[in-house]
Amino acid sequence: MEDCIFCKIIAGEVPAKKIHEDEEIIAFEDINPQAPVHVLVIPKKHIATLNDLGKEDLDLMGRMAMAAVHVAKLKGIEDSGYRLVTNCLAGAGQAVFHIHTHVLGGRQMNWPPG
């Protein structure tokens, strides 16, 4: 998508502090962190929302989860705990319409989240 900021990051048109990258997934620091560790994990395939996932994306979503675990290890929060958040649509807080998972940690997480 030509106007998608995440697609521009994937294409190298917009800079990002990358934490992890492989053939299908990229993870980078959030520019507006909500915790000491706040990394976004996104697929390189543009999928606007969770509602747009198809059966063909099952493996991709598993790879995203594994990439999030890898990020937690790289950032040193795998033992202290971390939260994964994926919002779907604006009413849930999705601001960029390219699916992504937030990896949050480095502080005590409250519940309910808000």
C-alpha atoms as a PDB file:
ATOM      1  CA  MET A   1       0.000   0.000   0.000  1.00  0.00           C
ATOM      2  CA  GLU A   2       1.574   3.250  -1.086  1.00  0.00           C
ATOM      3  CA  ASP A   3       0.338   5.346   1.859  1.00  0.00           C
ATOM      4  CA  CYS A   4       1.074   2.769   4.598  1.00  0.00           C
ATOM      5  CA  ILE A   5       3.889   3.941   6.887  1.00  0.00           C
ATOM      6  CA  PHE A   6       4.774   0.344   7.782  1.00  0.00           C
ATOM      7  CA  CYS A   7       5.028  -0.625   4.113  1.00  0.00           C
ATOM      8  CA  LYS A   8       7.369   2.353   3.672  1.00  0.00           C
ATOM      9  CA  ILE A   9       9.510   1.109   6.577  1.00  0.00           C
ATOM     10  CA  ILE A  10       9.629  -2.362   4.997  1.00  0.00           C
ATOM     11  CA  ALA A  11      10.666  -0.801   1.657  1.00  0.00           C
ATOM     12  CA  GLY A  12      13.401   1.232   3.353  1.00  0.00           C
ATOM     13  CA  GLU A  13      11.733   4.534   2.439  1.00  0.00           C
ATOM     14  CA  VAL A  14      11.232   5.504   6.094  1.00  0.00           C
ATOM     15  CA  PRO A  15      13.946   4.855   8.684  1.00  0.00           C
ATOM     16  CA  ALA A  16      13.303   2.650  11.708  1.00  0.00           C
ATOM     17  CA  LYS A  17      15.454   1.214  14.469  1.00  0.00           C
ATOM     18  CA  LYS A  18      15.226  -2.454  13.498  1.00  0.00           C
ATOM     19  CA  ILE A  19      15.490  -5.099  16.188  1.00  0.00           C
ATOM     20  CA  HIS A  20      14.794  -8.167  14.017  1.00  0.00           C
ATOM     21  CA  GLU A  21      14.241  -8.892  10.349  1.00  0.00           C
ATOM     22  CA  ASP A  22      13.780 -12.033   8.317  1.00  0.00           C
ATOM     23  CA  GLU A  23      12.150 -12.859   4.996  1.00  0.00           C
ATOM     24  CA  GLU A  24       8.580 -12.382   6.316  1.00  0.00           C
ATOM     25  CA  ILE A  25       8.743 -10.316   9.518  1.00  0.00           C
ATOM     26  CA  ILE A  26      10.326  -7.072  10.680  1.00  0.00           C
ATOM     27  CA  ALA A  27      10.473  -5.727  14.237  1.00  0.00           C
ATOM     28  CA  PHE A  28      11.435  -2.177  15.165  1.00  0.00           C
ATOM     29  CA  GLU A  29      11.313   0.283  18.053  1.00  0.00           C
ATOM     30  CA  ASP A  30       8.033   2.177  18.460  1.00  0.00           C
ATOM     31  CA  ILE A  31       8.513   5.936  17.947  1.00  0.00           C
ATOM     32  CA  ASN A  32       6.057   6.675  20.790  1.00  0.00           C
ATOM     33  CA  PRO A  33       7.024   4.098  23.431  1.00  0.00           C
ATOM     34  CA  GLN A  34       4.524   3.260  26.167  1.00  0.00           C
ATOM     35  CA  ALA A  35       7.013   1.205  28.203  1.00  0.00           C
ATOM     36  CA  PRO A  36      10.805   0.989  28.541  1.00  0.00           C
ATOM     37  CA  VAL A  37      10.657  -1.748  25.883  1.00  0.00           C
ATOM     38  CA  HIS A  38       8.150  -1.100  23.091  1.00  0.00           C
ATOM     39  CA  VAL A  39       8.805  -2.887  19.822  1.00  0.00           C
ATOM     40  CA  LEU A  40       6.427  -3.406  16.907  1.00  0.00           C
ATOM     41  CA  VAL A  41       6.420  -6.756  15.108  1.00  0.00           C
ATOM     42  CA  ILE A  42       4.872  -6.642  11.634  1.00  0.00           C
ATOM     43  CA  PRO A  43       4.561  -8.932   8.651  1.00  0.00           C
ATOM     44  CA  LYS A  44       6.115  -7.746   5.409  1.00  0.00           C
ATOM     45  CA  LYS A  45       2.872  -8.751   3.717  1.00  0.00           C
ATOM     46  CA  HIS A  46       0.362  -5.907   3.955  1.00  0.00           C
ATOM     47  CA  ILE A  47      -2.736  -7.054   5.817  1.00  0.00           C
ATOM     48  CA  ALA A  48      -4.820  -4.121   7.074  1.00  0.00           C
ATOM     49  CA  THR A  49      -6.517  -5.660  10.132  1.00  0.00           C
ATOM     50  CA  LEU A  50      -6.913  -8.965  11.917  1.00  0.00           C
ATOM     51  CA  ASN A  51     -10.332  -9.170  10.231  1.00  0.00           C
ATOM     52  CA  ASP A  52      -8.521  -9.406   6.886  1.00  0.00           C
ATOM     53  CA  LEU A  53      -6.517 -12.503   7.763  1.00  0.00           C
ATOM     54  CA  GLY A  54      -7.113 -15.594   5.669  1.00  0.00           C
ATOM     55  CA  LYS A  55      -6.357 -19.252   6.248  1.00  0.00           C
ATOM     56  CA  GLU A  56      -3.233 -18.752   4.141  1.00  0.00           C
ATOM     57  CA  ASP A  57      -1.917 -16.425   6.894  1.00  0.00           C
ATOM     58  CA  LEU A  58      -1.924 -18.996   9.729  1.00  0.00           C
ATOM     59  CA  ASP A  59       1.790 -19.754   9.432  1.00  0.00           C
ATOM     60  CA  LEU A  60       2.603 -16.055   9.130  1.00  0.00           C
ATOM     61  CA  MET A  61       0.796 -15.274  12.391  1.00  0.00           C
ATOM     62  CA  GLY A  62       2.718 -18.053  14.124  1.00  0.00           C
ATOM     63  CA  ARG A  63       5.962 -16.574  12.796  1.00  0.00           C
ATOM     64  CA  MET A  64       4.924 -13.177  14.151  1.00  0.00           C
ATOM     65  CA  ALA A  65       4.387 -14.693  17.601  1.00  0.00           C
ATOM     66  CA  MET A  66       7.767 -16.412  17.484  1.00  0.00           C
ATOM     67  CA  ALA A  67       9.398 -13.158  16.348  1.00  0.00           C
ATOM     68  CA  ALA A  68       7.808 -11.389  19.337  1.00  0.00           C
ATOM     69  CA  VAL A  69       9.311 -13.999  21.683  1.00  0.00           C
ATOM     70  CA  HIS A  70      12.682 -13.515  19.967  1.00  0.00           C
ATOM     71  CA  VAL A  71      12.398  -9.729  20.461  1.00  0.00           C
ATOM     72  CA  ALA A  72      11.636 -10.236  24.166  1.00  0.00           C
ATOM     73  CA  LYS A  73      14.801 -12.314  24.478  1.00  0.00           C
ATOM     74  CA  LEU A  74      16.890  -9.767  22.561  1.00  0.00           C
ATOM     75  CA  LYS A  75      15.589  -6.950  24.770  1.00  0.00           C
ATOM     76  CA  GLY A  76      16.187  -8.927  27.988  1.00  0.00           C
ATOM     77  CA  ILE A  77      12.567  -9.080  29.175  1.00  0.00           C
ATOM     78  CA  GLU A  78      11.831 -12.761  28.591  1.00  0.00           C
ATOM     79  CA  ASP A  79      12.214 -13.577  32.306  1.00  0.00           C
ATOM     80  CA  SER A  80      10.694 -10.451  33.875  1.00  0.00           C
ATOM     81  CA  GLY A  81       7.574 -10.608  31.706  1.00  0.00           C
ATOM     82  CA  TYR A  82       6.141  -8.796  28.730  1.00  0.00           C
ATOM     83  CA  ARG A  83       2.841  -8.092  27.066  1.00  0.00           C
ATOM     84  CA  LEU A  84       1.843  -8.640  23.443  1.00  0.00           C
ATOM     85  CA  VAL A  85      -0.928  -6.369  22.147  1.00  0.00           C
ATOM     86  CA  THR A  86      -2.609  -6.503  18.762  1.00  0.00           C
ATOM     87  CA  ASN A  87      -5.400  -3.975  18.216  1.00  0.00           C
ATOM     88  CA  CYS A  88      -8.089  -4.449  15.577  1.00  0.00           C
ATOM     89  CA  LEU A  89      -9.759  -1.352  14.138  1.00  0.00           C
ATOM     90  CA  ALA A  90      -9.803   2.224  15.420  1.00  0.00           C
ATOM     91  CA  GLY A  91     -12.224   1.506  18.266  1.00  0.00           C
ATOM     92  CA  ALA A  92      -9.608  -0.800  19.800  1.00  0.00           C
ATOM     93  CA  GLY A  93      -6.762   1.657  19.234  1.00  0.00           C
ATOM     94  CA  GLN A  94      -5.398   0.539  15.858  1.00  0.00           C
ATOM     95  CA  ALA A  95      -3.807   3.654  14.370  1.00  0.00           C
ATOM     96  CA  VAL A  96      -1.840   2.087  11.488  1.00  0.00           C
ATOM     97  CA  PHE A  97      -3.857  -0.225   9.272  1.00  0.00           C
ATOM     98  CA  HIS A  98      -1.171  -2.858   8.743  1.00  0.00           C
ATOM     99  CA  ILE A  99      -1.416  -5.615  11.329  1.00  0.00           C
ATOM    100  CA  HIS A 100       1.189  -5.405  14.038  1.00  0.00           C
ATOM    101  CA  THR A 101       1.895  -6.661  17.518  1.00  0.00           C
ATOM    102  CA  HIS A 102       3.288  -4.450  20.248  1.00  0.00           C
ATOM    103  CA  VAL A 103       5.897  -6.085  22.506  1.00  0.00           C
ATOM    104  CA  LEU A 104       5.784  -4.149  25.789  1.00  0.00           C
ATOM    105  CA  GLY A 105       7.933  -4.703  28.857  1.00  0.00           C
ATOM    106  CA  GLY A 106      10.537  -3.395  31.213  1.00  0.00           C
ATOM    107  CA  ARG A 107       7.971  -2.240  33.778  1.00  0.00           C
ATOM    108  CA  GLN A 108       5.005  -3.623  35.699  1.00  0.00           C
ATOM    109  CA  MET A 109       1.983  -3.927  33.415  1.00  0.00           C
ATOM    110  CA  ASN A 110      -1.400  -3.010  34.888  1.00  0.00           C
ATOM    111  CA  TRP A 111      -4.720  -4.759  34.320  1.00  0.00           C
ATOM    112  CA  PRO A 112      -7.082  -3.905  32.828  1.00  0.00           C
ATOM    113  CA  PRO A 113      -4.935  -2.176  30.245  1.00  0.00           C
ATOM    114  CA  GLY A 114      -7.339   0.721  29.566  1.00  0.00           C
END
